[in-house]
C-alpha atoms as a PDB file:
ATOM      1  CA  MET A   1      40.799 -15.377 -17.709  1.00  0.00           C
ATOM      2  CA  GLU A   2      40.800 -11.815 -20.563  1.00  0.00           C
ATOM      3  CA  VAL A   3      40.066  -8.756 -20.303  1.00  0.00           C
ATOM      4  CA  ASP A   4      38.045  -8.268 -22.509  1.00  0.00           C
ATOM      5  CA  ALA A   5      35.922 -11.422 -21.569  1.00  0.00           C
ATOM      6  CA  ALA A   6      35.727 -10.308 -18.068  1.00  0.00           C
ATOM      7  CA  LYS A   7      34.447  -6.941 -19.558  1.00  0.00           C
ATOM      8  CA  ALA A   8      31.418  -8.733 -21.905  1.00  0.00           C
ATOM      9  CA  ILE A   9      30.527 -10.834 -19.086  1.00  0.00           C
ATOM     10  CA  GLY A  10      30.590  -8.322 -17.041  1.00  0.00           C
ATOM     11  CA  ALA A  11      27.881  -6.054 -18.793  1.00  0.00           C
ATOM     12  CA  GLY A  12      25.567  -8.773 -19.950  1.00  0.00           C
ATOM     13  CA  ILE A  13      25.370  -9.370 -16.389  1.00  0.00           C
ATOM     14  CA  ALA A  14      24.225  -5.742 -15.471  1.00  0.00           C
ATOM     15  CA  THR A  15      22.143  -6.092 -18.915  1.00  0.00           C
ATOM     16  CA  LEU A  16      19.733  -8.122 -16.336  1.00  0.00           C
ATOM     17  CA  GLY A  17      18.357  -4.921 -15.301  1.00  0.00           C
ATOM     18  CA  MET A  18      16.614  -4.457 -17.995  1.00  0.00           C
ATOM     19  CA  GLY A  19      14.742  -6.685 -18.005  1.00  0.00           C
ATOM     20  CA  GLY A  20      13.578  -6.079 -14.732  1.00  0.00           C
ATOM     21  CA  ALA A  21      12.955  -2.829 -15.835  1.00  0.00           C
ATOM     22  CA  GLY A  22      10.643  -4.841 -18.725  1.00  0.00           C
ATOM     23  CA  ILE A  23       8.794  -7.305 -15.930  1.00  0.00           C
ATOM     24  CA  GLY A  24       8.605  -3.955 -13.909  1.00  0.00           C
ATOM     25  CA  LEU A  25       6.785  -1.792 -16.668  1.00  0.00           C
ATOM     26  CA  GLY A  26       4.430  -4.481 -16.700  1.00  0.00           C
ATOM     27  CA  THR A  27       3.399  -4.799 -13.997  1.00  0.00           C
ATOM     28  CA  ILE A  28       2.625  -1.279 -13.601  1.00  0.00           C
ATOM     29  CA  PHE A  29       0.194  -0.944 -16.605  1.00  0.00           C
ATOM     30  CA  GLY A  30      -1.015  -4.564 -15.961  1.00  0.00           C
ATOM     31  CA  SER A  31      -2.164  -3.368 -12.421  1.00  0.00           C
ATOM     32  CA  TYR A  32      -2.692  -0.342 -13.686  1.00  0.00           C
ATOM     33  CA  LEU A  33      -5.183  -1.532 -16.166  1.00  0.00           C
ATOM     34  CA  SER A  34      -6.709  -3.808 -13.649  1.00  0.00           C
ATOM     35  CA  GLY A  35      -7.752  -1.535 -11.470  1.00  0.00           C
ATOM     36  CA  ALA A  36      -8.757   1.140 -14.290  1.00  0.00           C
ATOM     37  CA  LEU A  37     -10.745  -1.734 -14.888  1.00  0.00           C
ATOM     38  CA  ARG A  38     -13.113  -2.271 -11.572  1.00  0.00           C
ATOM     39  CA  ASN A  39     -13.244   1.115 -10.310  1.00  0.00           C
ATOM     40  CA  PRO A  40     -13.476   3.449 -13.774  1.00  0.00           C
ATOM     41  CA  SER A  41     -13.590   6.825 -11.789  1.00  0.00           C
ATOM     42  CA  ALA A  42     -10.851   6.821  -9.935  1.00  0.00           C
ATOM     43  CA  ALA A  43      -8.826   5.701 -12.608  1.00  0.00           C
ATOM     44  CA  ASP A  44      -8.277   8.930 -14.057  1.00  0.00           C
ATOM     45  CA  GLY A  45      -6.591   9.671 -10.201  1.00  0.00           C
ATOM     46  CA  GLN A  46      -3.598   7.363 -10.775  1.00  0.00           C
ATOM     47  CA  PHE A  47      -3.200   8.620 -13.552  1.00  0.00           C
ATOM     48  CA  GLY A  48      -0.554  10.521 -12.858  1.00  0.00           C
ATOM     49  CA  ARG A  49       0.708   8.107 -10.678  1.00  0.00           C
ATOM     50  CA  LEU A  50       1.293   5.494 -13.442  1.00  0.00           C
ATOM     51  CA  ILE A  51       3.543   8.209 -15.426  1.00  0.00           C
ATOM     52  CA  PHE A  52       5.479   8.236 -12.410  1.00  0.00           C
ATOM     53  CA  GLY A  53       6.231   5.229 -11.840  1.00  0.00           C
ATOM     54  CA  PHE A  54       6.246   4.815 -15.105  1.00  0.00           C
ATOM     55  CA  ALA A  55       9.105   6.697 -15.769  1.00  0.00           C
ATOM     56  CA  VAL A  56      11.387   5.696 -12.610  1.00  0.00           C
ATOM     57  CA  THR A  57      11.075   2.276 -14.201  1.00  0.00           C
ATOM     58  CA  GLU A  58      11.871   3.264 -17.017  1.00  0.00           C
ATOM     59  CA  ALA A  59      14.785   5.208 -15.577  1.00  0.00           C
ATOM     60  CA  LEU A  60      16.388   1.848 -14.170  1.00  0.00           C
ATOM     61  CA  GLY A  61      16.489  -0.369 -17.026  1.00  0.00           C
ATOM     62  CA  ILE A  62      18.532   3.005 -19.064  1.00  0.00           C
ATOM     63  CA  PHE A  63      20.764   3.157 -15.994  1.00  0.00           C
ATOM     64  CA  SER A  64      21.406  -0.253 -16.154  1.00  0.00           C
ATOM     65  CA  LEU A  65      21.986  -0.295 -20.407  1.00  0.00           C
ATOM     66  CA  LEU A  66      25.101   3.061 -19.526  1.00  0.00           C
ATOM     67  CA  ILE A  67      26.586   0.478 -16.680  1.00  0.00           C
ATOM     68  CA  ALA A  68      26.938  -2.332 -19.164  1.00  0.00           C
ATOM     69  CA  LEU A  69      28.394  -0.015 -22.056  1.00  0.00           C
ATOM     70  CA  LEU A  70      30.617   1.621 -19.048  1.00  0.00           C
ATOM     71  CA  LEU A  71      31.938  -1.444 -19.049  1.00  0.00           C
ATOM     72  CA  LEU A  72      32.356  -2.575 -22.373  1.00  0.00           C
ATOM     73  CA  PHE A  73      33.961   0.305 -23.303  1.00  0.00           C
ATOM     74  CA  ALA A  74      35.647   1.684 -20.459  1.00  0.00           C
END
């Protein structure tokens, strides 16, 4: 197998983490919306945790993209 082909396959596999981050974001916001509709008075207290969970999940997706780009161009 050529080195370029192996890099492309590795980068493709590394981008699977971005799909996982997308699924995680959907789960986080879906759970928040479900909880906010059940108990609207507690929704404001959980908003900070929602943003923190969003930031961490998005950071993992960006890290996955970084690894894929490093595999392709390094």
